[in-house]
PDB file of N, CA and C in Angstrom:
ATOM      1  N   MET A   1     108.089  50.222  18.323  1.00  0.00           N
ATOM      2  CA  MET A   1     108.937  49.018  18.791  1.00  0.00           C
ATOM      3  C   MET A   1     108.237  47.794  18.476  1.00  0.00           C
ATOM      4  N   ASN A   2     106.974  47.780  18.840  1.00  0.00           N
ATOM      5  CA  ASN A   2     106.056  46.527  18.566  1.00  0.00           C
ATOM      6  C   ASN A   2     106.192  46.088  17.346  1.00  0.00           C
ATOM      7  N   ALA A   3     106.041  47.022  16.248  1.00  0.00           N
ATOM      8  CA  ALA A   3     106.017  46.611  14.882  1.00  0.00           C
ATOM      9  C   ALA A   3     107.335  45.927  14.520  1.00  0.00           C
ATOM     10  N   LEU A   4     108.329  46.384  15.128  1.00  0.00           N
ATOM     11  CA  LEU A   4     109.771  45.776  14.727  1.00  0.00           C
ATOM     12  C   LEU A   4     109.821  44.403  15.297  1.00  0.00           C
ATOM     13  N   LYS A   5     109.336  44.320  16.462  1.00  0.00           N
ATOM     14  CA  LYS A   5     109.126  42.707  17.123  1.00  0.00           C
ATOM     15  C   LYS A   5     108.291  41.843  16.384  1.00  0.00           C
ATOM     16  N   GLN A   6     107.151  42.343  15.738  1.00  0.00           N
ATOM     17  CA  GLN A   6     106.250  41.720  14.802  1.00  0.00           C
ATOM     18  C   GLN A   6     107.136  41.236  13.632  1.00  0.00           C
ATOM     19  N   ARG A   7     107.961  42.219  13.045  1.00  0.00           N
ATOM     20  CA  ARG A   7     108.609  41.892  11.857  1.00  0.00           C
ATOM     21  C   ARG A   7     109.716  40.933  12.058  1.00  0.00           C
ATOM     22  N   ALA A   8     110.430  40.993  13.300  1.00  0.00           N
ATOM     23  CA  ALA A   8     111.244  39.989  13.564  1.00  0.00           C
ATOM     24  C   ALA A   8     110.655  38.612  13.697  1.00  0.00           C
ATOM     25  N   ARG A   9     109.627  38.490  14.396  1.00  0.00           N
ATOM     26  CA  ARG A   9     108.953  37.370  14.496  1.00  0.00           C
ATOM     27  C   ARG A   9     108.603  36.618  13.386  1.00  0.00           C
ATOM     28  N   ALA A  10     107.933  37.546  12.457  1.00  0.00           N
ATOM     29  CA  ALA A  10     107.536  36.832  11.138  1.00  0.00           C
ATOM     30  C   ALA A  10     108.694  36.399  10.369  1.00  0.00           C
ATOM     31  N   LEU A  11     109.885  37.241  10.293  1.00  0.00           N
ATOM     32  CA  LEU A  11     111.105  36.614   9.672  1.00  0.00           C
ATOM     33  C   LEU A  11     111.558  35.366  10.274  1.00  0.00           C
ATOM     34  N   GLU A  12     111.520  35.137  11.650  1.00  0.00           N
ATOM     35  CA  GLU A  12     111.840  34.111  12.283  1.00  0.00           C
ATOM     36  C   GLU A  12     110.990  32.827  12.004  1.00  0.00           C
ATOM     37  N   ASP A  13     109.645  33.052  11.917  1.00  0.00           N
ATOM     38  CA  ASP A  13     108.702  32.043  11.379  1.00  0.00           C
ATOM     39  C   ASP A  13     108.791  31.628   9.972  1.00  0.00           C
ATOM     40  N   LYS A  14     109.347  32.622   9.194  1.00  0.00           N
ATOM     41  CA  LYS A  14     109.400  32.150   7.680  1.00  0.00           C
ATOM     42  C   LYS A  14     110.625  31.220   7.607  1.00  0.00           C
ATOM     43  N   PHE A  15     111.807  31.781   8.360  1.00  0.00           N
ATOM     44  CA  PHE A  15     113.130  30.908   8.249  1.00  0.00           C
ATOM     45  C   PHE A  15     112.798  29.507   8.807  1.00  0.00           C
ATOM     46  N   ALA A  16     111.897  29.452   9.907  1.00  0.00           N
ATOM     47  CA  ALA A  16     111.719  28.155  10.348  1.00  0.00           C
ATOM     48  C   ALA A  16     110.896  27.393   9.374  1.00  0.00           C
ATOM     49  N   HIS A  17     109.920  27.829   8.731  1.00  0.00           N
ATOM     50  CA  HIS A  17     109.100  27.153   7.853  1.00  0.00           C
ATOM     51  C   HIS A  17     109.987  26.822   6.561  1.00  0.00           C
ATOM     52  N   ASP A  18     110.790  27.561   6.032  1.00  0.00           N
ATOM     53  CA  ASP A  18     111.644  27.404   4.993  1.00  0.00           C
ATOM     54  C   ASP A  18     112.525  26.156   5.322  1.00  0.00           C
ATOM     55  N   GLU A  19     113.086  26.084   6.502  1.00  0.00           N
ATOM     56  CA  GLU A  19     113.978  25.004   6.728  1.00  0.00           C
ATOM     57  C   GLU A  19     113.407  23.757   6.967  1.00  0.00           C
ATOM     58  N   GLU A  20     112.032  23.788   7.553  1.00  0.00           N
ATOM     59  CA  GLU A  20     111.337  22.451   7.666  1.00  0.00           C
ATOM     60  C   GLU A  20     110.997  22.128   6.177  1.00  0.00           C
ATOM     61  N   PHE A  21     110.620  22.888   5.302  1.00  0.00           N
ATOM     62  CA  PHE A  21     110.193  22.625   4.059  1.00  0.00           C
ATOM     63  C   PHE A  21     111.356  21.774   3.370  1.00  0.00           C
ATOM     64  N   MET A  22     112.613  22.486   3.568  1.00  0.00           N
ATOM     65  CA  MET A  22     113.726  21.979   2.748  1.00  0.00           C
ATOM     66  C   MET A  22     114.239  20.694   3.336  1.00  0.00           C
ATOM     67  N   PHE A  23     114.032  20.389   4.665  1.00  0.00           N
ATOM     68  CA  PHE A  23     114.314  19.210   5.255  1.00  0.00           C
ATOM     69  C   PHE A  23     113.417  18.143   4.870  1.00  0.00           C
ATOM     70  N   ARG A  24     112.163  18.371   4.777  1.00  0.00           N
ATOM     71  CA  ARG A  24     111.093  17.344   4.101  1.00  0.00           C
ATOM     72  C   ARG A  24     111.436  17.020   2.609  1.00  0.00           C
ATOM     73  N   ALA A  25     111.657  18.128   1.951  1.00  0.00           N
ATOM     74  CA  ALA A  25     112.134  18.090   0.673  1.00  0.00           C
ATOM     75  C   ALA A  25     113.336  17.023   0.218  1.00  0.00           C
ATOM     76  N   ARG A  26     114.441  17.183   1.032  1.00  0.00           N
ATOM     77  CA  ARG A  26     115.469  16.514   1.102  1.00  0.00           C
ATOM     78  C   ARG A  26     115.230  15.143   1.475  1.00  0.00           C
ATOM     79  N   ALA A  27     114.524  14.782   2.482  1.00  0.00           N
ATOM     80  CA  ALA A  27     114.154  13.510   2.932  1.00  0.00           C
ATOM     81  C   ALA A  27     113.441  12.776   1.871  1.00  0.00           C
ATOM     82  N   ARG A  28     112.496  13.523   1.098  1.00  0.00           N
ATOM     83  CA  ARG A  28     111.713  12.677   0.155  1.00  0.00           C
ATOM     84  C   ARG A  28     112.626  12.556  -1.209  1.00  0.00           C
ATOM     85  N   ARG A  29     113.600  13.583  -1.585  1.00  0.00           N
ATOM     86  CA  ARG A  29     114.545  13.273  -2.599  1.00  0.00           C
ATOM     87  C   ARG A  29     115.380  12.032  -2.200  1.00  0.00           C
ATOM     88  N   ASN A  30     115.838  12.070  -0.839  1.00  0.00           N
ATOM     89  CA  ASN A  30     116.746  10.925  -0.762  1.00  0.00           C
ATOM     90  C   ASN A  30     116.058   9.510  -0.551  1.00  0.00           C
ATOM     91  N   ALA A  31     114.749   9.385  -0.361  1.00  0.00           N
ATOM     92  CA  ALA A  31     113.901   8.057  -0.572  1.00  0.00           C
ATOM     93  C   ALA A  31     113.847   7.922  -2.100  1.00  0.00           C
ATOM     94  N   LEU A  32     113.525   8.914  -2.873  1.00  0.00           N
ATOM     95  CA  LEU A  32     113.532   8.602  -4.490  1.00  0.00           C
ATOM     96  C   LEU A  32     114.865   8.197  -4.977  1.00  0.00           C
ATOM     97  N   ILE A  33     115.669   8.937  -4.609  1.00  0.00           N
ATOM     98  CA  ILE A  33     117.115   8.529  -5.089  1.00  0.00           C
ATOM     99  C   ILE A  33     117.423   7.115  -4.612  1.00  0.00           C
ATOM    100  N   GLY A  34     117.041   6.727  -3.414  1.00  0.00           N
ATOM    101  CA  GLY A  34     117.307   5.391  -2.889  1.00  0.00           C
ATOM    102  C   GLY A  34     116.617   4.479  -3.739  1.00  0.00           C
ATOM    103  N   LEU A  35     115.347   4.626  -4.210  1.00  0.00           N
ATOM    104  CA  LEU A  35     114.560   3.712  -4.908  1.00  0.00           C
ATOM    105  C   LEU A  35     115.201   3.622  -6.199  1.00  0.00           C
ATOM    106  N   TRP A  36     115.650   4.620  -6.874  1.00  0.00           N
ATOM    107  CA  TRP A  36     116.368   4.537  -8.118  1.00  0.00           C
ATOM    108  C   TRP A  36     117.683   3.934  -8.048  1.00  0.00           C
ATOM    109  N   ALA A  37     118.401   4.170  -6.993  1.00  0.00           N
ATOM    110  CA  ALA A  37     119.753   3.315  -6.798  1.00  0.00           C
ATOM    111  C   ALA A  37     119.463   1.911  -6.537  1.00  0.00           C
ATOM    112  N   ALA A  38     118.485   1.524  -5.749  1.00  0.00           N
ATOM    113  CA  ALA A  38     118.173   0.148  -5.534  1.00  0.00           C
ATOM    114  C   ALA A  38     117.896  -0.589  -6.935  1.00  0.00           C
ATOM    115  N   ALA A  39     117.209   0.082  -7.817  1.00  0.00           N
ATOM    116  CA  ALA A  39     116.936  -0.570  -9.090  1.00  0.00           C
ATOM    117  C   ALA A  39     118.102  -0.621  -9.882  1.00  0.00           C
ATOM    118  N   VAL A  40     119.029   0.280  -9.948  1.00  0.00           N
ATOM    119  CA  VAL A  40     120.333   0.038 -10.591  1.00  0.00           C
ATOM    120  C   VAL A  40     121.126  -1.087  -9.890  1.00  0.00           C
ATOM    121  N   LEU A  41     121.152  -0.999  -8.670  1.00  0.00           N
ATOM    122  CA  LEU A  41     122.045  -2.041  -7.972  1.00  0.00           C
ATOM    123  C   LEU A  41     121.369  -3.448  -7.700  1.00  0.00           C
ATOM    124  N   HIS A  42     120.140  -3.478  -8.309  1.00  0.00           N
ATOM    125  CA  HIS A  42     119.263  -4.764  -8.218  1.00  0.00           C
ATOM    126  C   HIS A  42     119.010  -5.226  -6.845  1.00  0.00           C
ATOM    127  N   ASP A  43     118.844  -4.293  -5.974  1.00  0.00           N
ATOM    128  CA  ASP A  43     118.713  -4.577  -4.430  1.00  0.00           C
ATOM    129  C   ASP A  43     117.200  -5.348  -4.400  1.00  0.00           C
ATOM    130  N   LYS A  44     117.369  -6.393  -3.450  1.00  0.00           N
ATOM    131  CA  LYS A  44     115.968  -7.211  -3.227  1.00  0.00           C
ATOM    132  C   LYS A  44     114.926  -6.549  -2.544  1.00  0.00           C
ATOM    133  N   ASP A  45     115.193  -5.531  -1.820  1.00  0.00           N
ATOM    134  CA  ASP A  45     114.327  -4.764  -0.956  1.00  0.00           C
ATOM    135  C   ASP A  45     114.630  -3.402  -1.234  1.00  0.00           C
ATOM    136  N   PRO A  46     113.960  -2.764  -2.338  1.00  0.00           N
ATOM    137  CA  PRO A  46     114.327  -1.418  -2.663  1.00  0.00           C
ATOM    138  C   PRO A  46     113.642  -0.389  -1.574  1.00  0.00           C
ATOM    139  N   GLU A  47     112.454  -0.735  -0.930  1.00  0.00           N
ATOM    140  CA  GLU A  47     111.888   0.185   0.068  1.00  0.00           C
ATOM    141  C   GLU A  47     112.990   0.335   1.245  1.00  0.00           C
ATOM    142  N   ALA A  48     113.487  -0.696   1.728  1.00  0.00           N
ATOM    143  CA  ALA A  48     114.355  -0.679   2.833  1.00  0.00           C
ATOM    144  C   ALA A  48     115.823   0.035   2.355  1.00  0.00           C
ATOM    145  N   TYR A  49     116.103  -0.154   1.301  1.00  0.00           N
ATOM    146  CA  TYR A  49     117.426   0.486   0.829  1.00  0.00           C
ATOM    147  C   TYR A  49     117.016   2.032   0.720  1.00  0.00           C
ATOM    148  N   ALA A  50     115.887   2.252   0.175  1.00  0.00           N
ATOM    149  CA  ALA A  50     115.614   3.822   0.092  1.00  0.00           C
ATOM    150  C   ALA A  50     115.488   4.465   1.619  1.00  0.00           C
ATOM    151  N   ARG A  51     114.991   3.726   2.584  1.00  0.00           N
ATOM    152  CA  ARG A  51     114.845   4.207   3.998  1.00  0.00           C
ATOM    153  C   ARG A  51     116.319   4.307   4.503  1.00  0.00           C
ATOM    154  N   ALA A  52     117.244   3.312   4.260  1.00  0.00           N
ATOM    155  CA  ALA A  52     118.591   3.385   4.545  1.00  0.00           C
ATOM    156  C   ALA A  52     119.350   4.545   3.977  1.00  0.00           C
ATOM    157  N   VAL A  53     118.979   4.904   2.726  1.00  0.00           N
ATOM    158  CA  VAL A  53     119.716   6.119   2.081  1.00  0.00           C
ATOM    159  C   VAL A  53     119.314   7.353   2.836  1.00  0.00           C
ATOM    160  N   ALA A  54     117.992   7.542   3.096  1.00  0.00           N
ATOM    161  CA  ALA A  54     117.233   8.696   3.672  1.00  0.00           C
ATOM    162  C   ALA A  54     117.780   8.961   5.274  1.00  0.00           C
ATOM    163  N   ALA A  55     118.068   7.766   5.885  1.00  0.00           N
ATOM    164  CA  ALA A  55     118.660   7.810   7.283  1.00  0.00           C
ATOM    165  C   ALA A  55     119.991   8.053   7.158  1.00  0.00           C
ATOM    166  N   ALA A  56     120.774   7.653   6.168  1.00  0.00           N
ATOM    167  CA  ALA A  56     122.059   8.031   6.206  1.00  0.00           C
ATOM    168  C   ALA A  56     122.357   9.704   6.076  1.00  0.00           C
ATOM    169  N   ASP A  57     121.564  10.297   5.417  1.00  0.00           N
ATOM    170  CA  ASP A  57     121.603  11.749   5.376  1.00  0.00           C
ATOM    171  C   ASP A  57     121.243  12.406   6.643  1.00  0.00           C
ATOM    172  N   VAL A  58     120.526  11.819   7.495  1.00  0.00           N
ATOM    173  CA  VAL A  58     120.173  12.359   8.828  1.00  0.00           C
ATOM    174  C   VAL A  58     121.370  12.215   9.766  1.00  0.00           C
ATOM    175  N   ASP A  59     122.117  10.997   9.417  1.00  0.00           N
ATOM    176  CA  ASP A  59     123.262  10.667  10.530  1.00  0.00           C
ATOM    177  C   ASP A  59     124.438  11.444  10.144  1.00  0.00           C
ATOM    178  N   ALA A  60     124.656  11.944   8.911  1.00  0.00           N
ATOM    179  CA  ALA A  60     125.842  12.677   8.663  1.00  0.00           C
ATOM    180  C   ALA A  60     125.605  13.598   7.445  1.00  0.00           C
ATOM    181  N   ALA A  61     126.304  14.837   7.561  1.00  0.00           N
ATOM    182  CA  ALA A  61     126.061  15.872   6.412  1.00  0.00           C
ATOM    183  C   ALA A  61     126.580  15.192   5.091  1.00  0.00           C
ATOM    184  N   ASP A  62     125.809  15.106   3.997  1.00  0.00           N
ATOM    185  CA  ASP A  62     125.932  14.586   2.827  1.00  0.00           C
ATOM    186  C   ASP A  62     126.025  13.243   2.736  1.00  0.00           C
ATOM    187  N   GLY A  63     125.386  12.553   3.699  1.00  0.00           N
ATOM    188  CA  GLY A  63     125.222  11.112   4.135  1.00  0.00           C
ATOM    189  C   GLY A  63     124.676  10.294   2.934  1.00  0.00           C
ATOM    190  N   ALA A  64     123.601  10.847   2.476  1.00  0.00           N
ATOM    191  CA  ALA A  64     123.169  10.157   1.231  1.00  0.00           C
ATOM    192  C   ALA A  64     123.952   9.738   0.022  1.00  0.00           C
ATOM    193  N   PHE A  65     124.703  10.983  -0.277  1.00  0.00           N
ATOM    194  CA  PHE A  65     125.605  10.875  -1.487  1.00  0.00           C
ATOM    195  C   PHE A  65     126.791   9.928  -1.002  1.00  0.00           C
ATOM    196  N   ALA A  66     127.325   9.977   0.175  1.00  0.00           N
ATOM    197  CA  ALA A  66     128.251   9.007   0.720  1.00  0.00           C
ATOM    198  C   ALA A  66     127.779   7.691   0.620  1.00  0.00           C
ATOM    199  N   ARG A  67     126.612   7.407   1.066  1.00  0.00           N
ATOM    200  CA  ARG A  67     126.273   6.071   1.024  1.00  0.00           C
ATOM    201  C   ARG A  67     125.978   5.311  -0.407  1.00  0.00           C
ATOM    202  N   LEU A  68     125.404   6.155  -1.401  1.00  0.00           N
ATOM    203  CA  LEU A  68     125.231   5.995  -2.652  1.00  0.00           C
ATOM    204  C   LEU A  68     126.703   5.578  -3.289  1.00  0.00           C
ATOM    205  N   ARG A  69     127.534   6.481  -3.090  1.00  0.00           N
ATOM    206  CA  ARG A  69     128.991   6.390  -3.678  1.00  0.00           C
ATOM    207  C   ARG A  69     129.465   5.211  -3.426  1.00  0.00           C
ATOM    208  N   GLN A  70     129.365   5.020  -2.008  1.00  0.00           N
ATOM    209  CA  GLN A  70     130.062   3.699  -1.435  1.00  0.00           C
ATOM    210  C   GLN A  70     129.504   2.344  -2.006  1.00  0.00           C
ATOM    211  N   ASP A  71     127.989   2.310  -2.199  1.00  0.00           N
ATOM    212  CA  ASP A  71     127.216   1.108  -2.665  1.00  0.00           C
ATOM    213  C   ASP A  71     127.582   0.954  -4.100  1.00  0.00           C
ATOM    214  N   PHE A  72     127.664   2.057  -4.885  1.00  0.00           N
ATOM    215  CA  PHE A  72     127.951   1.872  -6.360  1.00  0.00           C
ATOM    216  C   PHE A  72     129.428   1.410  -6.406  1.00  0.00           C
ATOM    217  N   ASP A  73     130.244   1.969  -5.696  1.00  0.00           N
ATOM    218  CA  ASP A  73     131.725   1.302  -5.912  1.00  0.00           C
ATOM    219  C   ASP A  73     131.947  -0.030  -5.400  1.00  0.00           C
ATOM    220  N   ALA A  74     131.144  -0.242  -4.449  1.00  0.00           N
ATOM    221  CA  ALA A  74     131.126  -1.728  -3.973  1.00  0.00           C
ATOM    222  C   ALA A  74     130.526  -2.790  -5.200  1.00  0.00           C
ATOM    223  N   ALA A  75     129.545  -2.158  -5.874  1.00  0.00           N
ATOM    224  CA  ALA A  75     128.944  -3.051  -6.855  1.00  0.00           C
ATOM    225  C   ALA A  75     129.725  -2.910  -8.094  1.00  0.00           C
ATOM    226  N   GLY A  76     130.663  -2.028  -8.278  1.00  0.00           N
ATOM    227  CA  GLY A  76     131.473  -2.019  -9.393  1.00  0.00           C
ATOM    228  C   GLY A  76     130.930  -1.132 -10.570  1.00  0.00           C
ATOM    229  N   ILE A  77     129.739  -0.410 -10.078  1.00  0.00           N
ATOM    230  CA  ILE A  77     129.019   0.407 -11.247  1.00  0.00           C
ATOM    231  C   ILE A  77     129.687   1.745 -11.028  1.00  0.00           C
ATOM    232  N   GLU A  78     130.244   2.011 -12.429  1.00  0.00           N
ATOM    233  CA  GLU A  78     130.987   3.440 -12.598  1.00  0.00           C
ATOM    234  C   GLU A  78     129.827   4.487 -12.906  1.00  0.00           C
ATOM    235  N   LEU A  79     129.819   5.458 -11.873  1.00  0.00           N
ATOM    236  CA  LEU A  79     129.042   6.532 -12.100  1.00  0.00           C
ATOM    237  C   LEU A  79     129.947   7.881 -11.459  1.00  0.00           C
ATOM    238  N   VAL A  80     129.906   8.796 -12.375  1.00  0.00           N
ATOM    239  CA  VAL A  80     130.763  10.032 -12.033  1.00  0.00           C
ATOM    240  C   VAL A  80     130.014  10.605 -10.884  1.00  0.00           C
ATOM    241  N   ASP A  81     130.806  11.359  -9.957  1.00  0.00           N
ATOM    242  CA  ASP A  81     130.233  12.080  -8.928  1.00  0.00           C
ATOM    243  C   ASP A  81     129.379  13.220  -9.375  1.00  0.00           C
ATOM    244  N   ASP A  82     129.866  13.898 -10.261  1.00  0.00           N
ATOM    245  CA  ASP A  82     128.984  14.903 -10.892  1.00  0.00           C
ATOM    246  C   ASP A  82     127.679  14.574 -11.452  1.00  0.00           C
ATOM    247  N   GLU A  83     127.672  13.333 -12.191  1.00  0.00           N
ATOM    248  CA  GLU A  83     126.502  12.991 -12.485  1.00  0.00           C
ATOM    249  C   GLU A  83     125.494  12.453 -11.405  1.00  0.00           C
ATOM    250  N   LEU A  84     126.048  11.832 -10.279  1.00  0.00           N
ATOM    251  CA  LEU A  84     125.135  11.624  -9.126  1.00  0.00           C
ATOM    252  C   LEU A  84     124.749  12.845  -8.414  1.00  0.00           C
ATOM    253  N   ARG A  85     125.559  13.796  -8.374  1.00  0.00           N
ATOM    254  CA  ARG A  85     125.087  15.127  -7.546  1.00  0.00           C
ATOM    255  C   ARG A  85     124.120  15.737  -8.599  1.00  0.00           C
ATOM    256  N   GLY A  86     124.295  15.862  -9.889  1.00  0.00           N
ATOM    257  CA  GLY A  86     123.400  16.384 -10.589  1.00  0.00           C
ATOM    258  C   GLY A  86     121.988  15.738 -10.681  1.00  0.00           C
ATOM    259  N   ARG A  87     121.972  14.418 -10.545  1.00  0.00           N
ATOM    260  CA  ARG A  87     120.651  13.777 -10.379  1.00  0.00           C
ATOM    261  C   ARG A  87     120.013  14.152  -9.000  1.00  0.00           C
ATOM    262  N   MET A  88     120.837  14.131  -8.011  1.00  0.00           N
ATOM    263  CA  MET A  88     120.248  14.412  -6.699  1.00  0.00           C
ATOM    264  C   MET A  88     119.818  16.023  -6.628  1.00  0.00           C
ATOM    265  N   THR A  89     120.530  16.841  -7.372  1.00  0.00           N
ATOM    266  CA  THR A  89     119.945  18.145  -7.441  1.00  0.00           C
ATOM    267  C   THR A  89     118.772  18.298  -8.308  1.00  0.00           C
ATOM    268  N   SER A  90     118.698  17.792  -9.403  1.00  0.00           N
ATOM    269  CA  SER A  90     117.403  17.661 -10.275  1.00  0.00           C
ATOM    270  C   SER A  90     116.269  17.171  -9.503  1.00  0.00           C
ATOM    271  N   MET A  91     116.389  15.995  -8.914  1.00  0.00           N
ATOM    272  CA  MET A  91     115.437  15.376  -8.048  1.00  0.00           C
ATOM    273  C   MET A  91     114.798  16.411  -6.888  1.00  0.00           C
ATOM    274  N   LEU A  92     115.922  17.003  -6.261  1.00  0.00           N
ATOM    275  CA  LEU A  92     115.548  17.963  -5.125  1.00  0.00           C
ATOM    276  C   LEU A  92     114.513  18.942  -5.594  1.00  0.00           C
ATOM    277  N   ARG A  93     114.909  19.539  -6.856  1.00  0.00           N
ATOM    278  CA  ARG A  93     114.296  20.797  -7.468  1.00  0.00           C
ATOM    279  C   ARG A  93     112.935  20.189  -7.880  1.00  0.00           C
ATOM    280  N   ASP A  94     112.746  19.083  -8.501  1.00  0.00           N
ATOM    281  CA  ASP A  94     111.418  18.511  -8.773  1.00  0.00           C
ATOM    282  C   ASP A  94     110.581  18.204  -7.571  1.00  0.00           C
ATOM    283  N   VAL A  95     111.219  17.738  -6.623  1.00  0.00           N
ATOM    284  CA  VAL A  95     110.301  17.382  -5.282  1.00  0.00           C
ATOM    285  C   VAL A  95     109.958  18.717  -4.630  1.00  0.00           C
ATOM    286  N   ALA A  96     110.751  19.743  -4.481  1.00  0.00           N
ATOM    287  CA  ALA A  96     110.594  20.870  -3.938  1.00  0.00           C
ATOM    288  C   ALA A  96     109.352  21.676  -4.791  1.00  0.00           C
ATOM    289  N   ARG A  97     109.591  21.550  -5.972  1.00  0.00           N
ATOM    290  CA  ARG A  97     108.432  21.977  -6.884  1.00  0.00           C
ATOM    291  C   ARG A  97     106.960  21.485  -6.494  1.00  0.00           C
ATOM    292  N   GLU A  98     106.985  20.088  -6.572  1.00  0.00           N
ATOM    293  CA  GLU A  98     105.901  19.364  -6.285  1.00  0.00           C
ATOM    294  C   GLU A  98     105.200  19.675  -4.991  1.00  0.00           C
ATOM    295  N   MET A  99     106.165  19.629  -4.039  1.00  0.00           N
ATOM    296  CA  MET A  99     105.715  19.851  -2.691  1.00  0.00           C
ATOM    297  C   MET A  99     105.048  21.337  -2.537  1.00  0.00           C
ATOM    298  N   TYR A 100     105.509  22.333  -3.316  1.00  0.00           N
ATOM    299  CA  TYR A 100     105.163  23.626  -3.238  1.00  0.00           C
ATOM    300  C   TYR A 100     103.806  23.851  -3.924  1.00  0.00           C
ATOM    301  N   GLU A 101     103.700  23.247  -5.055  1.00  0.00           N
ATOM    302  CA  GLU A 101     102.456  23.159  -5.783  1.00  0.00           C
ATOM    303  C   GLU A 101     101.381  22.671  -5.060  1.00  0.00           C
ATOM    304  N   TYR A 102     101.636  21.584  -4.150  1.00  0.00           N
ATOM    305  CA  TYR A 102     100.462  20.737  -3.561  1.00  0.00           C
ATOM    306  C   TYR A 102     100.385  21.226  -2.136  1.00  0.00           C
ATOM    307  N   ALA A 103     100.973  22.321  -1.703  1.00  0.00           N
ATOM    308  CA  ALA A 103     100.947  22.680  -0.298  1.00  0.00           C
ATOM    309  C   ALA A 103      99.730  23.439  -0.238  1.00  0.00           C
TER     310      ALA A 103
END
């Protein structure tokens, strides 16, 4: 029974580690996509905008996408949802790979 408890504990630890890793990767991705969007939107303070995009994802599920969509629409910049989601997915994949390689 002790081996079963150890196995369960190991699985719980791995799950917690994976969740923390993905949270950090999404936060990094959101900051990077915020910097990209700030350049496209010609924002005067790209760092502050990137932080706002990253914070939006913490406040609500899919908040970073919603914030970007709202800001692009308000600026009159046409960007298809699939293109924006594709860019976000690609950035997440790249960030996660980079984090994993340097961990």
